[in-house]
Protein backbone atom coordinates (compact mmCIF):
# COMPACT_ATOMS: atom_id res chain seq x y z
CA MET A 1 -44.44 12.81 5.30
CA GLY A 2 -41.13 12.45 3.44
CA GLN A 3 -39.56 9.40 1.89
CA SER A 4 -37.26 7.42 4.16
CA GLN A 5 -33.96 5.76 3.26
CA GLY A 6 -35.73 2.44 2.86
CA SER A 7 -38.66 3.77 0.87
CA GLY A 8 -39.77 1.83 -2.17
CA GLN A 9 -39.46 5.03 -4.18
CA TYR A 10 -35.70 4.56 -4.19
CA PHE A 11 -33.10 1.95 -5.17
CA HIS A 12 -35.06 0.43 -8.08
CA GLU A 13 -33.92 2.82 -10.80
CA ALA A 14 -30.45 3.74 -9.55
CA ALA A 15 -27.88 4.67 -12.20
CA VAL A 16 -24.59 6.56 -12.36
CA LYS A 17 -24.93 10.00 -13.95
CA GLU A 18 -23.36 10.20 -17.40
CA HIS A 19 -20.57 12.65 -16.57
CA PHE A 20 -19.50 10.53 -13.60
CA SER A 21 -19.51 7.24 -15.52
CA SER A 22 -15.83 7.50 -16.46
CA LEU A 23 -14.99 7.33 -12.74
CA GLN A 24 -16.18 3.73 -12.64
CA ALA A 25 -13.16 2.34 -14.50
CA LEU A 26 -10.67 5.14 -13.88
CA TRP A 27 -8.75 3.81 -10.87
CA SER A 28 -7.69 0.38 -9.63
CA GLU A 29 -7.74 -0.62 -5.97
CA ALA A 30 -4.05 0.30 -5.66
CA ASP A 31 -4.76 3.71 -7.21
CA LEU A 32 -7.58 4.32 -4.72
CA VAL A 33 -5.27 3.52 -1.80
CA VAL A 34 -2.90 6.19 -3.14
CA LEU A 35 -5.77 8.70 -3.39
CA ILE A 36 -6.88 7.95 0.18
CA ASP A 37 -3.37 8.51 1.53
CA ARG A 38 -2.95 11.64 -0.56
CA LEU A 39 -6.19 13.13 0.76
CA LYS A 40 -5.21 12.49 4.37
CA ASP A 41 -1.79 14.04 3.81
CA MET A 42 -3.12 17.11 1.96
CA THR A 43 -5.57 18.58 4.45
CA LEU A 44 -6.78 18.11 8.00
CA ASN A 45 -10.45 18.87 7.32
CA PHE A 46 -10.66 17.05 3.93
CA CYS A 47 -12.06 20.18 2.23
CA LEU A 48 -10.64 20.84 -1.23
CA ASP A 49 -10.72 24.03 -3.28
CA LYS A 50 -10.22 23.79 -7.05
CA PRO A 51 -6.39 23.64 -6.99
CA LYS A 52 -6.36 21.03 -4.20
CA PHE A 53 -9.06 18.98 -5.92
CA ALA A 54 -6.97 18.88 -9.10
CA LYS A 55 -3.87 18.05 -7.06
CA LEU A 56 -5.70 15.14 -5.41
CA LEU A 57 -6.77 13.63 -8.74
CA GLN A 58 -3.61 14.39 -10.77
CA LEU A 59 -5.31 13.61 -14.08
CA SER A 60 -4.19 14.59 -17.56
CA VAL A 61 -5.48 17.74 -19.26
CA SER A 62 -7.89 15.60 -21.29
CA TYR A 63 -9.96 15.29 -18.11
CA ASP A 64 -10.05 19.03 -17.38
CA GLU A 65 -13.69 19.52 -18.41
CA LEU A 66 -14.86 16.47 -16.44
CA VAL A 67 -12.87 17.57 -13.38
CA ARG A 68 -14.57 20.96 -13.65
CA GLN A 69 -17.99 19.28 -13.74
CA TRP A 70 -17.15 16.96 -10.82
CA PHE A 71 -15.97 19.90 -8.75
CA ALA A 72 -19.11 21.90 -9.56
CA ASP A 73 -21.46 19.04 -8.67
CA PHE A 74 -19.75 18.42 -5.34
CA SER A 75 -19.41 22.10 -4.35
CA HIS A 76 -22.35 24.03 -5.85
CA ASP A 77 -24.43 23.90 -2.65
CA ARG A 78 -21.58 24.77 -0.27
CA ALA A 79 -21.13 28.41 0.71
CA SER A 80 -17.35 27.99 0.76
CA GLN A 81 -17.32 26.42 -2.72
CA VAL A 82 -15.13 23.48 -1.71
CA VAL A 83 -15.44 19.75 -2.25
CA ASP A 84 -15.57 17.38 0.71
CA GLY A 85 -12.86 14.89 -0.24
CA LEU A 86 -14.46 12.17 1.88
CA ASP A 87 -17.75 12.51 -0.02
CA PHE A 88 -15.98 12.33 -3.37
CA LEU A 89 -13.71 9.36 -2.64
CA SER A 90 -16.58 7.48 -0.98
CA ALA A 91 -18.60 7.83 -4.17
CA VAL A 92 -15.66 6.82 -6.37
CA ILE A 93 -15.10 3.68 -4.30
CA MET A 94 -18.77 2.72 -4.24
CA ILE A 95 -19.33 3.04 -8.01
CA SER A 96 -16.00 1.54 -9.08
CA SER A 97 -16.19 -1.34 -11.55
CA GLN A 98 -12.52 -2.17 -10.93
CA VAL A 99 -12.88 -3.19 -7.27
CA SER A 100 -14.86 -6.08 -5.80
CA LEU A 101 -17.48 -5.39 -3.18
CA SER A 102 -15.46 -6.92 -0.34
CA ARG A 103 -12.45 -4.77 -1.26
CA LYS A 104 -14.66 -1.67 -1.48
CA ILE A 105 -15.60 -2.23 2.16
CA ALA A 106 -11.91 -2.58 3.02
CA LEU A 107 -11.14 0.68 1.20
CA LEU A 108 -13.94 2.49 3.02
CA PHE A 109 -12.52 1.25 6.31
CA THR A 110 -9.11 2.64 5.36
CA LEU A 111 -10.63 5.96 4.30
CA PHE A 112 -12.67 6.48 7.46
CA ASP A 113 -9.98 5.34 9.86
CA LEU A 114 -9.27 9.05 9.77
CA ASP A 115 -6.48 9.05 12.32
CA ARG A 116 -4.93 5.78 11.05
CA THR A 117 -5.39 3.93 14.35
CA GLY A 118 -6.63 0.69 12.77
CA CYS A 119 -10.23 1.18 13.94
CA ILE A 120 -13.23 3.46 13.38
CA ARG A 121 -14.57 5.43 16.33
CA LYS A 122 -18.21 6.46 16.74
CA ASP A 123 -17.58 9.99 15.45
CA GLU A 124 -15.72 8.59 12.43
CA PHE A 125 -18.58 6.18 11.74
CA THR A 126 -21.13 9.00 11.73
CA ILE A 127 -18.88 10.89 9.28
CA PHE A 128 -18.70 7.69 7.21
CA LEU A 129 -22.51 7.44 7.02
CA LYS A 130 -22.89 11.07 5.99
CA ALA A 131 -20.08 11.01 3.43
CA VAL A 132 -21.08 7.77 1.70
CA THR A 133 -24.77 8.64 1.43
CA SER A 134 -23.97 12.20 0.32
CA GLY A 135 -21.35 11.11 -2.17
CA VAL A 136 -23.36 8.42 -3.93
CA TYR A 137 -26.41 10.72 -4.01
CA ARG A 138 -24.38 13.28 -5.98
CA VAL A 139 -23.09 10.84 -8.60
CA THR A 140 -26.26 8.79 -9.16
CA THR A 141 -29.92 9.08 -9.92
CA GLY A 142 -32.53 6.99 -8.13
CA LEU A 143 -30.95 6.98 -4.67
CA PRO A 144 -32.35 8.87 -1.65
CA PRO A 145 -30.85 12.10 -0.32
CA PRO A 146 -28.64 11.61 2.73
CA GLY A 147 -30.33 11.37 6.09
CA THR A 148 -30.29 14.17 8.62
CA VAL A 149 -27.60 14.39 11.28
CA VAL A 150 -30.16 13.13 13.81
CA GLU A 151 -31.12 10.13 11.63
CA LEU A 152 -27.54 9.14 10.92
CA GLY A 153 -26.60 9.69 14.55
CA GLY A 154 -29.35 7.24 15.48
CA VAL A 155 -27.90 4.62 13.13
CA SER A 156 -24.47 5.17 14.66
CA ALA A 157 -25.81 4.97 18.20
CA GLU A 158 -27.57 1.69 17.42
CA ILE A 159 -24.51 -0.10 16.13
CA PHE A 160 -22.19 1.22 18.84
CA GLY A 161 -24.77 0.32 21.47
CA ASN A 162 -24.33 -3.33 20.48
CA LEU A 163 -20.53 -3.31 20.46
CA ARG A 164 -18.36 -4.66 23.23
CA GLY A 165 -15.82 -1.87 22.75
CA ASP A 166 -15.91 1.76 21.64
CA SER A 167 -14.64 1.33 18.07
CA LEU A 168 -15.23 -0.72 14.93
CA SER A 169 -12.75 -3.19 13.48
CA GLN A 170 -12.71 -3.93 9.75
CA GLN A 171 -14.65 -7.12 10.45
CA ASP A 172 -17.24 -5.13 12.44
CA LEU A 173 -17.73 -2.79 9.48
CA LEU A 174 -17.99 -5.70 7.05
CA GLN A 175 -20.55 -7.37 9.30
CA TRP A 176 -22.67 -4.23 9.57
CA MET A 177 -22.57 -3.51 5.84
CA THR A 178 -23.67 -7.06 4.95
CA GLU A 179 -26.37 -7.36 7.62
CA ALA A 180 -28.03 -3.97 8.11
CA GLN A 181 -30.93 -3.08 5.81
CA PHE A 182 -29.64 0.50 5.67
CA SER A 183 -26.43 -0.57 3.94
CA LEU A 184 -27.84 -3.55 2.02
CA ASN A 185 -30.12 -1.16 0.12
CA TYR A 186 -27.01 0.52 -1.29
CA LEU A 187 -25.01 -2.66 -1.86
CA SER A 188 -27.90 -4.16 -3.81
CA VAL A 189 -27.68 -1.50 -6.53
CA LEU A 190 -23.98 -0.50 -6.33
CA SER A 191 -22.57 -3.99 -6.84
CA ARG A 192 -22.78 -6.90 -9.25
CA LEU A 193 -24.41 -9.24 -6.74
CA HIS A 194 -27.74 -9.19 -8.58
CA THR A 195 -29.66 -12.11 -7.03
CA ALA A 196 -27.58 -12.74 -3.91
CA LEU A 197 -27.03 -15.96 -2.01
CA PHE A 198 -27.16 -15.51 1.78
CA ALA A 199 -25.56 -17.77 4.39
CA PHE A 200 -25.68 -18.06 8.17
CA GLY A 201 -24.91 -20.51 10.96
CA VAL A 202 -21.84 -22.15 12.49
CA ASN A 203 -18.71 -21.44 10.46
CA ASP A 204 -15.92 -23.08 12.47
CA ARG A 205 -14.54 -24.78 9.35
CA LYS A 206 -15.08 -21.69 7.17
CA GLN A 207 -17.69 -23.68 5.30
CA LEU A 208 -20.05 -20.76 4.71
CA GLY A 209 -17.71 -18.94 2.34
CA LEU A 210 -18.14 -15.60 4.10
CA GLU A 211 -15.55 -12.83 4.01
CA MET A 212 -13.15 -12.78 7.02
CA ALA A 213 -14.70 -16.12 8.10
CA PRO A 214 -16.63 -15.37 11.34
CA ARG A 215 -16.96 -18.45 13.55
CA LEU A 216 -20.70 -17.87 13.89
CA GLN A 217 -22.92 -15.93 11.50
CA GLN A 218 -26.17 -15.24 13.32
CA VAL A 219 -27.82 -13.09 10.66
CA PRO A 220 -28.01 -14.11 6.98
CA ALA A 221 -25.28 -12.30 5.02
CA PRO A 222 -24.61 -12.22 1.25
CA LEU A 223 -21.73 -14.23 -0.17
CA LEU A 224 -19.62 -11.42 -1.60
CA THR A 225 -17.32 -13.86 -3.39
CA LEU A 226 -20.20 -14.58 -5.80
CA GLU A 227 -20.32 -10.99 -7.03
CA GLY A 228 -20.49 -10.96 -10.81
CA ARG A 229 -21.13 -14.69 -11.04
CA HIS A 230 -24.31 -16.28 -12.36
CA ALA A 231 -25.80 -19.63 -11.42
CA MET A 232 -26.31 -21.99 -14.32
CA LYS A 233 -29.04 -24.58 -14.46
CA SER A 234 -27.75 -28.06 -15.14
CA GLN A 235 -28.86 -29.66 -18.38
CA ARG A 236 -30.28 -33.13 -17.87
CA ALA A 237 -29.88 -35.66 -20.62
């Protein structure tokens, strides 16, 4: 029997690999939006050879050796020796220290709205699952390998089976990523939430403090606005 995505073997010792650590502070949210648009404009299948990979990043020559290493790590097991741009940008977004968790989810929505229709279809969501899990696996230690196509297809089928329509809005994606154990495993180690505060219930006055303010939160969800903040015990006289 293998180890599943939720296995206790994973997620406790997750860390960014040393030669990818510079990616964490390299780009701001605005820079990442530019990279997303550039990737979509460069190629239809999001596959990048060495010249296209360098063109996507547009970094100074001082980064040449790191770019070579990044390309090698993302292409060494592909027969065509190309980098999947979706895998790479997913990883960059997820490990960024310059972007809050709520904005990372917004960036992922923009990235995987592949045809720029303002929603994510079922096929795009399956690509999203594969790219994010593959990307973060390549740049970190301590995280599980990506699931099989069948496993990820099952996750996709489950969420779309509970939707009223046939596509995900940004709020749908936010809701899934803050409620599903599959995604919470990743958020717990790729964010600064640390010990998270969860909220649920009626939210008609936006009293819960949740992102995008759903009117009713049926499942406990973490308060992303508390990322990086620490509770302080009051000192009694």
